[in-house]
Amino acid sequence: MNTRQALIAAALATVCVTTVGSAAAADDKEKCFGVAKAGQNDCATASGAHSCAGQSKIDNGASEWKFVAKGTCDKAGGKLSAPK
């Protein structure tokens, strides 16, 4: 095995480990609506006002959400479901 092959193998191994770790971390989180600070939301709004993370304009918008540790959403003042 030459140096180039070794580097590619190491890079692929790193990607695999990172992907598995991210999936496990996602299992410990839940979407919490109404707790994201302006510019710190995790993805699109439930209402469709924008489609990307970091685009919220106000703190604690009801349709803005952020991933939080399971079981902590209510304590933070949020809701587990999107507003109607």
C-alpha atoms as a PDB file:
ATOM      1  CA  MET A   1       0.000   0.000   0.000  1.00  0.00           C
ATOM      2  CA  ASN A   2       1.463   3.342  -0.980  1.00  0.00           C
ATOM      3  CA  THR A   3       1.142   6.619   0.896  1.00  0.00           C
ATOM      4  CA  ARG A   4      -1.746   7.854  -1.227  1.00  0.00           C
ATOM      5  CA  GLN A   5      -3.791   4.714  -0.597  1.00  0.00           C
ATOM      6  CA  ALA A   6      -3.074   4.937   3.121  1.00  0.00           C
ATOM      7  CA  LEU A   7      -4.266   8.550   3.231  1.00  0.00           C
ATOM      8  CA  ILE A   8      -7.457   7.696   1.362  1.00  0.00           C
ATOM      9  CA  ALA A   9      -8.139   4.751   3.674  1.00  0.00           C
ATOM     10  CA  ALA A  10      -7.599   6.953   6.737  1.00  0.00           C
ATOM     11  CA  ALA A  11      -9.940   9.629   5.360  1.00  0.00           C
ATOM     12  CA  LEU A  12     -12.677   7.085   4.634  1.00  0.00           C
ATOM     13  CA  ALA A  13     -12.330   5.591   8.104  1.00  0.00           C
ATOM     14  CA  THR A  14     -12.708   9.059   9.625  1.00  0.00           C
ATOM     15  CA  VAL A  15     -15.864   9.730   7.598  1.00  0.00           C
ATOM     16  CA  CYS A  16     -17.372   6.414   8.683  1.00  0.00           C
ATOM     17  CA  VAL A  17     -16.670   7.045  12.367  1.00  0.00           C
ATOM     18  CA  THR A  18     -18.043  10.588  12.178  1.00  0.00           C
ATOM     19  CA  THR A  19     -21.241   9.432  10.466  1.00  0.00           C
ATOM     20  CA  VAL A  20     -21.921   6.724  13.053  1.00  0.00           C
ATOM     21  CA  GLY A  21     -21.262   9.161  15.901  1.00  0.00           C
ATOM     22  CA  SER A  22     -23.646  11.738  14.419  1.00  0.00           C
ATOM     23  CA  ALA A  23     -26.440   9.200  14.056  1.00  0.00           C
ATOM     24  CA  ALA A  24     -26.086   8.152  17.685  1.00  0.00           C
ATOM     25  CA  ALA A  25     -26.096  11.778  18.833  1.00  0.00           C
ATOM     26  CA  ALA A  26     -29.273  12.497  16.824  1.00  0.00           C
ATOM     27  CA  ASP A  27     -31.106   9.747  18.728  1.00  0.00           C
ATOM     28  CA  ASP A  28     -30.630  11.719  21.955  1.00  0.00           C
ATOM     29  CA  LYS A  29     -32.199  14.901  20.564  1.00  0.00           C
ATOM     30  CA  GLU A  30     -35.661  16.179  19.700  1.00  0.00           C
ATOM     31  CA  LYS A  31     -37.089  19.170  17.844  1.00  0.00           C
ATOM     32  CA  CYS A  32     -38.133  21.902  20.259  1.00  0.00           C
ATOM     33  CA  PHE A  33     -40.282  24.751  18.910  1.00  0.00           C
ATOM     34  CA  GLY A  34     -40.172  28.238  20.387  1.00  0.00           C
ATOM     35  CA  VAL A  35     -36.734  28.183  22.032  1.00  0.00           C
ATOM     36  CA  ALA A  36     -34.349  29.213  19.229  1.00  0.00           C
ATOM     37  CA  LYS A  37     -32.666  32.600  19.508  1.00  0.00           C
ATOM     38  CA  ALA A  38     -32.498  34.849  16.441  1.00  0.00           C
ATOM     39  CA  GLY A  39     -30.071  33.350  13.930  1.00  0.00           C
ATOM     40  CA  GLN A  40     -29.682  30.103  15.879  1.00  0.00           C
ATOM     41  CA  ASN A  41     -32.532  27.955  14.561  1.00  0.00           C
ATOM     42  CA  ASP A  42     -31.608  24.518  13.244  1.00  0.00           C
ATOM     43  CA  CYS A  43     -33.639  24.430  10.028  1.00  0.00           C
ATOM     44  CA  ALA A  44     -36.693  25.705   8.147  1.00  0.00           C
ATOM     45  CA  THR A  45     -39.701  27.101   9.989  1.00  0.00           C
ATOM     46  CA  ALA A  46     -42.859  25.100  10.343  1.00  0.00           C
ATOM     47  CA  SER A  47     -44.754  27.968   8.704  1.00  0.00           C
ATOM     48  CA  GLY A  48     -42.453  28.144   5.658  1.00  0.00           C
ATOM     49  CA  ALA A  49     -41.152  31.669   6.362  1.00  0.00           C
ATOM     50  CA  HIS A  50     -37.629  30.513   5.454  1.00  0.00           C
ATOM     51  CA  SER A  51     -35.921  27.285   4.493  1.00  0.00           C
ATOM     52  CA  CYS A  52     -32.519  27.248   6.180  1.00  0.00           C
ATOM     53  CA  ALA A  53     -30.775  27.112   9.517  1.00  0.00           C
ATOM     54  CA  GLY A  54     -29.665  30.385  11.037  1.00  0.00           C
ATOM     55  CA  GLN A  55     -32.312  32.520   9.317  1.00  0.00           C
ATOM     56  CA  SER A  56     -34.650  33.237  12.220  1.00  0.00           C
ATOM     57  CA  LYS A  57     -35.135  36.959  12.797  1.00  0.00           C
ATOM     58  CA  ILE A  58     -36.632  36.900  16.312  1.00  0.00           C
ATOM     59  CA  ASP A  59     -35.897  35.151  19.593  1.00  0.00           C
ATOM     60  CA  ASN A  60     -38.188  32.276  20.580  1.00  0.00           C
ATOM     61  CA  GLY A  61     -40.397  32.386  17.477  1.00  0.00           C
ATOM     62  CA  ALA A  62     -43.188  29.814  17.802  1.00  0.00           C
ATOM     63  CA  SER A  63     -42.468  28.207  14.408  1.00  0.00           C
ATOM     64  CA  GLU A  64     -38.663  28.244  14.834  1.00  0.00           C
ATOM     65  CA  TRP A  65     -37.087  25.088  16.221  1.00  0.00           C
ATOM     66  CA  LYS A  66     -33.811  23.851  17.584  1.00  0.00           C
ATOM     67  CA  PHE A  67     -32.569  20.373  18.473  1.00  0.00           C
ATOM     68  CA  VAL A  68     -32.331  19.911  22.238  1.00  0.00           C
ATOM     69  CA  ALA A  69     -31.517  16.946  24.462  1.00  0.00           C
ATOM     70  CA  LYS A  70     -34.504  14.615  24.886  1.00  0.00           C
ATOM     71  CA  GLY A  71     -36.638  15.541  27.857  1.00  0.00           C
ATOM     72  CA  THR A  72     -35.467  19.158  28.099  1.00  0.00           C
ATOM     73  CA  CYS A  73     -37.836  20.958  25.727  1.00  0.00           C
ATOM     74  CA  ASP A  74     -40.623  21.556  28.273  1.00  0.00           C
ATOM     75  CA  LYS A  75     -38.100  22.767  30.852  1.00  0.00           C
ATOM     76  CA  ALA A  76     -36.757  25.302  28.328  1.00  0.00           C
ATOM     77  CA  GLY A  77     -40.277  26.633  27.703  1.00  0.00           C
ATOM     78  CA  GLY A  78     -40.699  25.046  24.267  1.00  0.00           C
ATOM     79  CA  LYS A  79     -43.137  22.670  22.625  1.00  0.00           C
ATOM     80  CA  LEU A  80     -42.521  19.378  20.839  1.00  0.00           C
ATOM     81  CA  SER A  81     -45.037  20.101  18.081  1.00  0.00           C
ATOM     82  CA  ALA A  82     -45.228  22.894  15.548  1.00  0.00           C
ATOM     83  CA  PRO A  83     -47.845  25.609  16.022  1.00  0.00           C
ATOM     84  CA  LYS A  84     -51.049  25.260  14.008  1.00  0.00           C
END
